[in-house]
Amino acid sequence: MKKIAFILCLLCTILFMVYILFSFFRYVNFRVDSAGIQKLNLVGENDANMYLLTLKLTHCNKQLYFGGIPYPGGISDSVIQIKGYDEKGKTLDEKVLCFPKSQDDSIRTIWLNYENKEVPCNYCLNIDKLQKELNSMTQNIRGEYYSKEEDAHYMYRLFCVPKGQPLPKKLIFRFDKYSIECDVNNIPKRVKVTRIDKMEP
């Protein structure tokens, strides 16, 4: 009886350790659920057409984690390509969808009052950089805003189109298994900058 009790105790200990191990490494994957692009009217930015890109990241594959609060994992599908098109259906030059080099490099995050909530957003240097950033998130999600009601993370990126350049009409995000087509809203929306975070000196 003592031997059986010892074996049962040992098995319980092993199962408990396995549970702790899986609980420590538990994770949940995310996918880009939708994208939206809105032209903005920001105070003091009259030399370029400003745009706000919003990416909604939702949970998927929830069965991969073990109990408790799910720890964030990464993007489940690689971004193969991001293409921008103008009103004539022509492909936009990657350099058009970018931030000018003259932009203040000391700015880390700009906070906007957008859709009745204060959201943090960073500059999008160009479409290629955005694609690489998304693909680097296979290990750790980095959504800047979390909606508890939707159980979704949001990423916000500011980019601009220099005056005189064709305006974007559509962006297409191509992933491993699906694509997201996003129409650009070129009707300016006035948005207030509530705070600007600077880089550490």
C-alpha atoms as a PDB file:
ATOM      1  CA  MET A   1       0.000   0.000   0.000  1.00  0.00           C
ATOM      2  CA  LYS A   2       2.822   2.363   0.840  1.00  0.00           C
ATOM      3  CA  LYS A   3       4.397   1.662  -2.558  1.00  0.00           C
ATOM      4  CA  ILE A   4       1.121   2.425  -4.372  1.00  0.00           C
ATOM      5  CA  ALA A   5       0.650   5.593  -2.325  1.00  0.00           C
ATOM      6  CA  PHE A   6       4.215   6.660  -3.150  1.00  0.00           C
ATOM      7  CA  ILE A   7       3.665   6.033  -6.881  1.00  0.00           C
ATOM      8  CA  LEU A   8       0.387   7.984  -6.839  1.00  0.00           C
ATOM      9  CA  CYS A   9       2.054  10.823  -4.967  1.00  0.00           C
ATOM     10  CA  LEU A  10       4.918  10.825  -7.472  1.00  0.00           C
ATOM     11  CA  LEU A  11       2.499  10.874 -10.430  1.00  0.00           C
ATOM     12  CA  CYS A  12       0.554  13.752  -8.885  1.00  0.00           C
ATOM     13  CA  THR A  13       3.799  15.659  -8.371  1.00  0.00           C
ATOM     14  CA  ILE A  14       4.860  15.076 -11.989  1.00  0.00           C
ATOM     15  CA  LEU A  15       1.447  16.149 -13.319  1.00  0.00           C
ATOM     16  CA  PHE A  16       1.554  19.256 -11.147  1.00  0.00           C
ATOM     17  CA  MET A  17       5.033  20.157 -12.422  1.00  0.00           C
ATOM     18  CA  VAL A  18       3.907  19.641 -16.030  1.00  0.00           C
ATOM     19  CA  TYR A  19       0.911  21.908 -15.415  1.00  0.00           C
ATOM     20  CA  ILE A  20       3.142  24.584 -13.891  1.00  0.00           C
ATOM     21  CA  LEU A  21       5.512  24.315 -16.854  1.00  0.00           C
ATOM     22  CA  PHE A  22       2.743  24.664 -19.424  1.00  0.00           C
ATOM     23  CA  SER A  23       1.133  27.454 -17.412  1.00  0.00           C
ATOM     24  CA  PHE A  24       4.416  29.354 -17.461  1.00  0.00           C
ATOM     25  CA  PHE A  25       4.711  29.027 -21.240  1.00  0.00           C
ATOM     26  CA  ARG A  26       1.032  29.355 -22.049  1.00  0.00           C
ATOM     27  CA  TYR A  27       0.225  31.690 -24.874  1.00  0.00           C
ATOM     28  CA  VAL A  28      -2.445  32.673 -27.334  1.00  0.00           C
ATOM     29  CA  ASN A  29      -1.954  33.585 -30.966  1.00  0.00           C
ATOM     30  CA  PHE A  30      -3.293  36.693 -32.688  1.00  0.00           C
ATOM     31  CA  ARG A  31      -4.358  37.496 -36.224  1.00  0.00           C
ATOM     32  CA  VAL A  32      -4.858  40.821 -37.979  1.00  0.00           C
ATOM     33  CA  ASP A  33      -8.651  40.956 -38.092  1.00  0.00           C
ATOM     34  CA  SER A  34      -9.191  44.273 -39.858  1.00  0.00           C
ATOM     35  CA  ALA A  35      -7.479  47.467 -40.975  1.00  0.00           C
ATOM     36  CA  GLY A  36      -8.652  51.036 -41.402  1.00  0.00           C
ATOM     37  CA  ILE A  37      -7.008  54.190 -42.730  1.00  0.00           C
ATOM     38  CA  GLN A  38      -8.267  57.681 -41.998  1.00  0.00           C
ATOM     39  CA  LYS A  39      -6.928  60.994 -43.268  1.00  0.00           C
ATOM     40  CA  LEU A  40      -6.288  63.349 -40.354  1.00  0.00           C
ATOM     41  CA  ASN A  41      -6.198  67.063 -39.836  1.00  0.00           C
ATOM     42  CA  LEU A  42      -3.591  67.700 -37.139  1.00  0.00           C
ATOM     43  CA  VAL A  43      -2.695  71.154 -35.884  1.00  0.00           C
ATOM     44  CA  GLY A  44       0.732  72.285 -37.141  1.00  0.00           C
ATOM     45  CA  GLU A  45       1.028  69.644 -39.881  1.00  0.00           C
ATOM     46  CA  ASN A  46       0.196  71.580 -43.029  1.00  0.00           C
ATOM     47  CA  ASP A  47       3.104  70.401 -45.178  1.00  0.00           C
ATOM     48  CA  ALA A  48       1.801  66.864 -45.688  1.00  0.00           C
ATOM     49  CA  ASN A  49      -1.326  64.735 -45.811  1.00  0.00           C
ATOM     50  CA  MET A  50      -1.466  62.866 -42.508  1.00  0.00           C
ATOM     51  CA  TYR A  51      -3.037  59.409 -42.184  1.00  0.00           C
ATOM     52  CA  LEU A  52      -3.802  57.124 -39.269  1.00  0.00           C
ATOM     53  CA  LEU A  53      -3.583  53.381 -39.866  1.00  0.00           C
ATOM     54  CA  THR A  54      -5.554  51.239 -37.396  1.00  0.00           C
ATOM     55  CA  LEU A  55      -4.933  47.501 -37.146  1.00  0.00           C
ATOM     56  CA  LYS A  56      -7.240  45.330 -35.046  1.00  0.00           C
ATOM     57  CA  LEU A  57      -5.598  42.186 -33.637  1.00  0.00           C
ATOM     58  CA  THR A  58      -7.907  39.466 -32.343  1.00  0.00           C
ATOM     59  CA  HIS A  59      -7.304  36.190 -30.529  1.00  0.00           C
ATOM     60  CA  CYS A  60      -7.264  32.839 -32.283  1.00  0.00           C
ATOM     61  CA  ASN A  61      -6.215  29.290 -31.368  1.00  0.00           C
ATOM     62  CA  LYS A  62      -7.256  29.788 -27.749  1.00  0.00           C
ATOM     63  CA  GLN A  63      -7.116  26.028 -27.157  1.00  0.00           C
ATOM     64  CA  LEU A  64      -3.312  26.276 -27.135  1.00  0.00           C
ATOM     65  CA  TYR A  65      -3.084  27.735 -23.623  1.00  0.00           C
ATOM     66  CA  PHE A  66      -3.709  26.090 -20.273  1.00  0.00           C
ATOM     67  CA  GLY A  67      -6.038  27.846 -17.847  1.00  0.00           C
ATOM     68  CA  GLY A  68      -5.709  31.190 -16.155  1.00  0.00           C
ATOM     69  CA  ILE A  69      -5.240  34.491 -17.919  1.00  0.00           C
ATOM     70  CA  PRO A  70      -3.858  33.919 -21.436  1.00  0.00           C
ATOM     71  CA  TYR A  71      -0.407  35.313 -22.044  1.00  0.00           C
ATOM     72  CA  PRO A  72       0.077  37.089 -25.382  1.00  0.00           C
ATOM     73  CA  GLY A  73       1.736  35.088 -28.125  1.00  0.00           C
ATOM     74  CA  GLY A  74       2.387  36.347 -31.621  1.00  0.00           C
ATOM     75  CA  ILE A  75       0.914  36.970 -35.054  1.00  0.00           C
ATOM     76  CA  SER A  76      -0.302  33.654 -36.454  1.00  0.00           C
ATOM     77  CA  ASP A  77       0.100  34.528 -40.160  1.00  0.00           C
ATOM     78  CA  SER A  78       3.120  36.122 -41.805  1.00  0.00           C
ATOM     79  CA  VAL A  79       2.621  39.330 -43.774  1.00  0.00           C
ATOM     80  CA  ILE A  80       3.745  38.473 -47.292  1.00  0.00           C
ATOM     81  CA  GLN A  81       3.067  41.853 -48.873  1.00  0.00           C
ATOM     82  CA  ILE A  82       1.492  45.259 -48.249  1.00  0.00           C
ATOM     83  CA  LYS A  83       0.560  47.230 -51.355  1.00  0.00           C
ATOM     84  CA  GLY A  84      -0.890  50.720 -51.716  1.00  0.00           C
ATOM     85  CA  TYR A  85      -2.915  51.939 -54.697  1.00  0.00           C
ATOM     86  CA  ASP A  86      -4.021  55.402 -55.811  1.00  0.00           C
ATOM     87  CA  GLU A  87      -7.372  56.468 -57.307  1.00  0.00           C
ATOM     88  CA  LYS A  88      -6.305  55.271 -60.768  1.00  0.00           C
ATOM     89  CA  GLY A  89      -5.422  51.824 -59.466  1.00  0.00           C
ATOM     90  CA  LYS A  90      -1.689  52.393 -59.858  1.00  0.00           C
ATOM     91  CA  THR A  91       0.704  50.984 -57.275  1.00  0.00           C
ATOM     92  CA  LEU A  92       2.003  53.653 -54.928  1.00  0.00           C
ATOM     93  CA  ASP A  93       5.715  54.070 -54.483  1.00  0.00           C
ATOM     94  CA  GLU A  94       6.743  52.782 -51.062  1.00  0.00           C
ATOM     95  CA  LYS A  95       8.488  56.105 -50.412  1.00  0.00           C
ATOM     96  CA  VAL A  96       5.198  57.995 -50.786  1.00  0.00           C
ATOM     97  CA  LEU A  97       3.686  56.240 -47.758  1.00  0.00           C
ATOM     98  CA  CYS A  98       6.289  57.323 -45.243  1.00  0.00           C
ATOM     99  CA  PHE A  99       7.376  59.987 -42.827  1.00  0.00           C
ATOM    100  CA  PRO A 100       9.801  62.682 -44.030  1.00  0.00           C
ATOM    101  CA  LYS A 101      13.332  62.583 -42.650  1.00  0.00           C
ATOM    102  CA  SER A 102      12.889  66.096 -41.323  1.00  0.00           C
ATOM    103  CA  GLN A 103      10.413  64.772 -38.737  1.00  0.00           C
ATOM    104  CA  ASP A 104      11.556  65.213 -35.139  1.00  0.00           C
ATOM    105  CA  ASP A 105      13.463  62.017 -34.278  1.00  0.00           C
ATOM    106  CA  SER A 106      13.094  62.697 -30.558  1.00  0.00           C
ATOM    107  CA  ILE A 107       9.355  61.923 -30.632  1.00  0.00           C
ATOM    108  CA  ARG A 108       8.583  58.415 -29.363  1.00  0.00           C
ATOM    109  CA  THR A 109       4.781  58.337 -29.154  1.00  0.00           C
ATOM    110  CA  ILE A 110       1.990  60.714 -30.093  1.00  0.00           C
ATOM    111  CA  TRP A 111      -1.282  60.413 -28.183  1.00  0.00           C
ATOM    112  CA  LEU A 112      -4.457  61.281 -30.087  1.00  0.00           C
ATOM    113  CA  ASN A 113      -8.053  61.751 -28.994  1.00  0.00           C
ATOM    114  CA  TYR A 114      -9.483  59.394 -31.604  1.00  0.00           C
ATOM    115  CA  GLU A 115     -13.051  58.049 -31.616  1.00  0.00           C
ATOM    116  CA  ASN A 116     -13.625  59.263 -28.052  1.00  0.00           C
ATOM    117  CA  LYS A 117     -10.608  57.466 -26.631  1.00  0.00           C
ATOM    118  CA  GLU A 118      -6.994  58.430 -26.057  1.00  0.00           C
ATOM    119  CA  VAL A 119      -4.787  56.222 -28.179  1.00  0.00           C
ATOM    120  CA  PRO A 120      -0.994  56.043 -28.503  1.00  0.00           C
ATOM    121  CA  CYS A 121       0.508  55.858 -31.974  1.00  0.00           C
ATOM    122  CA  ASN A 122       3.971  55.825 -33.500  1.00  0.00           C
ATOM    123  CA  TYR A 123       5.287  56.962 -36.841  1.00  0.00           C
ATOM    124  CA  CYS A 124       5.245  54.527 -39.751  1.00  0.00           C
ATOM    125  CA  LEU A 125       8.533  55.091 -41.586  1.00  0.00           C
ATOM    126  CA  ASN A 126       7.305  53.264 -44.689  1.00  0.00           C
ATOM    127  CA  ILE A 127       5.248  50.260 -45.788  1.00  0.00           C
ATOM    128  CA  ASP A 128       8.272  47.961 -45.902  1.00  0.00           C
ATOM    129  CA  LYS A 129       9.153  48.848 -42.294  1.00  0.00           C
ATOM    130  CA  LEU A 130       5.546  48.207 -41.248  1.00  0.00           C
ATOM    131  CA  GLN A 131       5.627  44.753 -42.856  1.00  0.00           C
ATOM    132  CA  LYS A 132       8.870  43.874 -41.066  1.00  0.00           C
ATOM    133  CA  GLU A 133       7.483  45.155 -37.772  1.00  0.00           C
ATOM    134  CA  LEU A 134       4.374  42.983 -38.045  1.00  0.00           C
ATOM    135  CA  ASN A 135       6.430  39.913 -38.931  1.00  0.00           C
ATOM    136  CA  SER A 136       8.714  40.524 -35.954  1.00  0.00           C
ATOM    137  CA  MET A 137       5.676  40.149 -33.711  1.00  0.00           C
ATOM    138  CA  THR A 138       5.528  36.368 -34.155  1.00  0.00           C
ATOM    139  CA  GLN A 139       6.989  36.031 -30.652  1.00  0.00           C
ATOM    140  CA  ASN A 140       5.271  38.843 -28.796  1.00  0.00           C
ATOM    141  CA  ILE A 141       2.241  40.974 -29.541  1.00  0.00           C
ATOM    142  CA  ARG A 142       2.771  44.719 -29.243  1.00  0.00           C
ATOM    143  CA  GLY A 143      -0.637  46.291 -29.559  1.00  0.00           C
ATOM    144  CA  GLU A 144      -0.636  49.788 -28.085  1.00  0.00           C
ATOM    145  CA  TYR A 145      -4.287  49.763 -27.042  1.00  0.00           C
ATOM    146  CA  TYR A 146      -6.317  46.914 -25.516  1.00  0.00           C
ATOM    147  CA  SER A 147     -10.113  46.781 -25.628  1.00  0.00           C
ATOM    148  CA  LYS A 148     -11.449  44.603 -22.835  1.00  0.00           C
ATOM    149  CA  GLU A 149     -14.957  44.654 -24.325  1.00  0.00           C
ATOM    150  CA  GLU A 150     -13.743  43.297 -27.678  1.00  0.00           C
ATOM    151  CA  ASP A 151     -10.859  41.258 -26.237  1.00  0.00           C
ATOM    152  CA  ALA A 152      -8.713  42.756 -28.988  1.00  0.00           C
ATOM    153  CA  HIS A 153      -5.479  44.711 -29.308  1.00  0.00           C
ATOM    154  CA  TYR A 154      -5.113  47.741 -31.553  1.00  0.00           C
ATOM    155  CA  MET A 155      -2.052  49.135 -33.310  1.00  0.00           C
ATOM    156  CA  TYR A 156      -2.017  52.744 -34.498  1.00  0.00           C
ATOM    157  CA  ARG A 157       0.527  54.082 -36.983  1.00  0.00           C
ATOM    158  CA  LEU A 158       0.867  57.606 -38.357  1.00  0.00           C
ATOM    159  CA  PHE A 159       2.214  58.140 -41.840  1.00  0.00           C
ATOM    160  CA  CYS A 160       2.039  60.931 -44.373  1.00  0.00           C
ATOM    161  CA  VAL A 161       1.892  61.603 -48.076  1.00  0.00           C
ATOM    162  CA  PRO A 162       3.861  64.691 -49.198  1.00  0.00           C
ATOM    163  CA  LYS A 163       1.793  67.326 -50.968  1.00  0.00           C
ATOM    164  CA  GLY A 164       1.817  66.897 -54.727  1.00  0.00           C
ATOM    165  CA  GLN A 165       1.981  63.108 -54.501  1.00  0.00           C
ATOM    166  CA  PRO A 166      -0.993  60.866 -55.414  1.00  0.00           C
ATOM    167  CA  LEU A 167      -3.192  60.093 -52.443  1.00  0.00           C
ATOM    168  CA  PRO A 168      -3.725  56.480 -51.378  1.00  0.00           C
ATOM    169  CA  LYS A 169      -7.097  54.972 -52.215  1.00  0.00           C
ATOM    170  CA  LYS A 170      -6.631  51.395 -51.061  1.00  0.00           C
ATOM    171  CA  LEU A 171      -4.214  49.189 -49.129  1.00  0.00           C
ATOM    172  CA  ILE A 172      -4.071  45.405 -49.442  1.00  0.00           C
ATOM    173  CA  PHE A 173      -2.466  43.274 -46.722  1.00  0.00           C
ATOM    174  CA  ARG A 174      -1.553  39.799 -47.986  1.00  0.00           C
ATOM    175  CA  PHE A 175      -0.961  37.092 -45.375  1.00  0.00           C
ATOM    176  CA  ASP A 176      -0.144  33.392 -45.619  1.00  0.00           C
ATOM    177  CA  LYS A 177      -3.760  32.267 -45.791  1.00  0.00           C
ATOM    178  CA  TYR A 178      -5.877  35.367 -46.330  1.00  0.00           C
ATOM    179  CA  SER A 179      -5.903  38.992 -47.475  1.00  0.00           C
ATOM    180  CA  ILE A 180      -7.364  42.186 -46.062  1.00  0.00           C
ATOM    181  CA  GLU A 181      -8.450  44.938 -48.440  1.00  0.00           C
ATOM    182  CA  CYS A 182      -8.722  48.347 -46.849  1.00  0.00           C
ATOM    183  CA  ASP A 183     -10.282  51.435 -48.451  1.00  0.00           C
ATOM    184  CA  VAL A 184      -8.738  54.753 -47.443  1.00  0.00           C
ATOM    185  CA  ASN A 185     -11.032  57.448 -46.065  1.00  0.00           C
ATOM    186  CA  ASN A 186      -9.658  60.632 -47.638  1.00  0.00           C
ATOM    187  CA  ILE A 187     -12.201  62.922 -45.958  1.00  0.00           C
ATOM    188  CA  PRO A 188     -10.097  64.704 -43.307  1.00  0.00           C
ATOM    189  CA  LYS A 189     -11.003  64.095 -39.680  1.00  0.00           C
ATOM    190  CA  ARG A 190      -9.869  66.690 -37.178  1.00  0.00           C
ATOM    191  CA  VAL A 191      -8.026  64.984 -34.338  1.00  0.00           C
ATOM    192  CA  LYS A 192      -6.496  66.614 -31.279  1.00  0.00           C
ATOM    193  CA  VAL A 193      -3.014  65.711 -30.073  1.00  0.00           C
ATOM    194  CA  THR A 194      -3.312  65.230 -26.315  1.00  0.00           C
ATOM    195  CA  ARG A 195       0.267  64.331 -25.448  1.00  0.00           C
ATOM    196  CA  ILE A 196       3.689  63.782 -26.997  1.00  0.00           C
ATOM    197  CA  ASP A 197       6.188  61.418 -25.398  1.00  0.00           C
ATOM    198  CA  LYS A 198       9.850  62.109 -26.114  1.00  0.00           C
ATOM    199  CA  MET A 199      12.739  59.673 -26.288  1.00  0.00           C
ATOM    200  CA  GLU A 200      14.885  59.295 -23.201  1.00  0.00           C
ATOM    201  CA  PRO A 201      17.980  61.572 -23.449  1.00  0.00           C
END
